[in-house]
Protein backbone atom coordinates (compact mmCIF):
# COMPACT_ATOMS: atom_id res chain seq x y z
CA MET A 1 16.16 7.00 -14.29
CA ILE A 2 13.41 5.52 -12.09
CA GLN A 3 14.35 4.71 -8.52
CA GLU A 4 12.69 4.01 -5.22
CA ILE A 5 12.91 6.96 -2.85
CA PRO A 6 14.35 6.11 0.59
CA ALA A 7 12.93 7.59 3.78
CA ALA A 8 15.89 9.97 4.03
CA LYS A 9 14.81 11.65 0.76
CA LEU A 10 11.10 12.12 1.50
CA ASP A 11 11.63 15.88 1.64
CA GLU A 12 12.19 15.79 -2.14
CA VAL A 13 8.85 14.02 -2.60
CA VAL A 14 7.02 16.62 -0.50
CA GLU A 15 8.73 19.40 -2.46
CA PHE A 16 7.57 17.81 -5.76
CA ILE A 17 3.99 17.47 -4.47
CA ARG A 18 3.97 21.08 -3.27
CA LYS A 19 5.22 22.23 -6.69
CA HIS A 20 2.34 20.41 -8.43
CA TRP A 21 -0.32 20.74 -5.71
CA THR A 22 -2.68 22.79 -7.87
CA GLU A 23 -3.07 19.86 -10.26
CA LEU A 24 -2.65 17.03 -7.75
CA SER A 25 -5.18 18.48 -5.28
CA LYS A 26 -7.96 17.92 -7.83
CA ARG A 27 -7.52 14.15 -7.53
CA PRO A 28 -9.98 12.32 -5.27
CA GLN A 29 -7.25 10.72 -3.17
CA ALA A 30 -5.38 14.01 -2.52
CA LYS A 31 -5.20 15.08 1.12
CA PRO A 32 -3.66 18.26 2.59
CA GLU A 33 -1.42 16.20 4.89
CA GLU A 34 0.52 15.17 1.76
CA LEU A 35 2.16 18.59 1.97
CA ASP A 36 3.55 17.71 5.40
CA LEU A 37 6.88 15.92 5.66
CA ALA A 38 6.06 14.56 9.14
CA SER A 39 2.97 12.86 7.73
CA TRP A 40 5.03 11.18 5.00
CA ARG A 41 7.57 9.91 7.52
CA GLU A 42 4.78 8.54 9.71
CA ARG A 43 3.19 6.60 6.82
CA TRP A 44 6.47 5.57 5.21
CA ARG A 45 6.41 1.89 6.17
CA GLU A 46 3.10 1.39 4.35
CA LYS A 47 4.13 3.05 1.09
CA ARG A 48 6.50 2.71 -1.80
CA VAL A 49 7.53 5.87 -3.60
CA LEU A 50 9.10 5.76 -7.04
CA ALA A 51 10.47 8.77 -8.89
CA TYR A 52 11.85 9.51 -12.31
CA ARG A 53 14.91 11.73 -12.09
CA GLY A 54 16.33 13.67 -15.01
CA SER A 55 20.04 13.99 -15.76
CA ASP A 56 20.05 16.97 -13.36
CA ALA A 57 18.88 14.61 -10.54
CA LYS A 58 15.58 16.50 -10.09
CA ILE A 59 12.29 14.61 -9.79
CA TYR A 60 10.09 14.96 -12.88
CA ALA A 61 7.62 12.12 -12.29
CA LEU A 62 6.27 10.43 -9.19
CA LEU A 63 4.36 7.29 -8.32
CA THR A 64 3.27 6.32 -4.83
CA LEU A 65 1.64 3.01 -4.04
CA ASP A 66 0.14 1.23 -1.05
CA LYS A 67 -0.28 -2.47 -0.47
CA VAL A 68 -3.68 -3.07 1.11
CA GLU A 69 -4.25 -6.77 1.79
CA GLN A 70 -4.03 -8.36 -1.68
CA GLU A 71 -4.39 -5.13 -3.63
CA ILE A 72 -1.96 -2.48 -4.81
CA TRP A 73 -3.41 1.05 -4.75
CA LEU A 74 -1.69 3.69 -6.84
CA ASP A 75 -2.05 6.95 -4.93
CA HIS A 76 -0.24 9.22 -7.34
CA LEU A 77 0.93 8.72 -10.87
CA PHE A 78 2.08 12.10 -12.08
CA VAL A 79 4.50 13.02 -14.86
CA GLU A 80 5.40 16.64 -15.53
CA GLU A 81 4.02 17.77 -18.86
CA ALA A 82 7.43 18.20 -20.53
CA TYR A 83 8.23 14.55 -19.76
CA ARG A 84 4.95 12.97 -20.90
CA GLY A 85 4.99 10.67 -23.92
CA GLN A 86 8.46 9.32 -23.16
CA GLY A 87 7.39 5.96 -21.68
CA ILE A 88 7.89 6.93 -18.04
CA GLY A 89 4.31 5.98 -17.09
CA ILE A 90 4.68 2.62 -18.86
CA ARG A 91 7.88 1.91 -16.95
CA PHE A 92 6.18 2.88 -13.67
CA LEU A 93 3.35 0.42 -14.37
CA GLN A 94 5.84 -2.35 -15.22
CA ILE A 95 7.58 -1.80 -11.88
CA VAL A 96 4.23 -1.81 -10.04
CA GLU A 97 3.34 -5.15 -11.67
CA THR A 98 6.69 -6.55 -10.54
CA PHE A 99 5.94 -5.44 -6.96
CA ALA A 100 2.40 -6.84 -7.20
CA LYS A 101 3.60 -10.27 -8.32
CA ALA A 102 6.26 -10.39 -5.61
CA TRP A 103 3.61 -9.49 -3.01
CA ASN A 104 1.07 -12.02 -4.41
CA SER A 105 -1.42 -9.21 -5.04
CA LYS A 106 -4.66 -9.95 -6.87
CA ARG A 107 -5.17 -6.55 -8.50
CA ILE A 108 -3.81 -3.06 -9.09
CA ILE A 109 -6.19 -0.11 -8.62
CA LEU A 110 -5.96 3.58 -9.53
CA ARG A 111 -8.65 6.19 -8.93
CA GLY A 112 -9.02 9.42 -10.84
CA ARG A 113 -11.51 12.08 -11.87
CA GLU A 114 -13.88 11.90 -14.82
CA GLU A 115 -11.84 14.69 -16.46
CA GLN A 116 -8.91 12.27 -16.64
CA ALA A 117 -10.88 9.85 -18.83
CA ASN A 118 -8.68 10.77 -21.80
CA TYR A 119 -6.01 8.54 -20.18
CA LEU A 120 -8.27 5.46 -20.26
CA PRO A 121 -7.02 4.11 -23.62
CA TYR A 122 -3.47 4.23 -22.21
CA PHE A 123 -4.51 1.91 -19.36
CA GLU A 124 -6.82 -0.27 -21.47
CA ARG A 125 -3.93 -1.12 -23.84
CA ARG A 126 -2.11 -2.46 -20.78
CA GLY A 127 -4.93 -4.72 -19.60
CA TYR A 128 -6.71 -2.38 -17.21
CA VAL A 129 -10.50 -1.98 -17.16
CA PHE A 130 -12.40 1.02 -15.87
CA HIS A 131 -15.66 1.67 -14.10
CA CYS A 132 -17.42 4.57 -12.39
CA PRO A 133 -18.39 3.54 -8.86
CA MET A 134 -21.93 4.67 -8.02
CA GLU A 135 -20.87 5.84 -4.55
CA ALA A 136 -18.01 7.96 -5.93
CA LYS A 137 -19.65 10.62 -8.09
CA GLY A 138 -17.24 12.23 -10.54
CA GLN A 139 -14.60 9.55 -10.04
CA ILE A 140 -13.36 6.74 -12.22
CA THR A 141 -11.45 3.64 -11.22
CA VAL A 142 -9.10 1.64 -13.38
CA GLU A 143 -7.96 -1.77 -12.28
CA LYS A 144 -5.99 -4.73 -13.49
CA ARG A 145 -6.59 -8.20 -12.16
CA LEU A 146 -3.47 -10.32 -11.89
């Protein structure tokens, strides 16, 4: 089940990020303060955090997003390997588009590394386009205009 994580449960988000930090820290938007619960609580009002929980109530996938003016920035979209291919990422993107429309956003943006280019067809099938910003060597950006 996908649900929004309330401020009172941010410790579970930090625990999930710590568990997967080796992989998440390779992403261009990853910052060490994401391992700090106090930092998450401080930034809470600016973020939305969605999680997929298994039948055991543990978090197995996470999506964090920021609204910046008329854009939605996806900070993290991570699904544990055992849960990939089950439509969780698709459902996350559907929820993000619902948020974006409600907030009158003009586009949704996600940054990643060149090594993650194998995910591009997944996003392209859903109307996203990608580009490699000149100023961001080794990074790719996918975006969807609304």
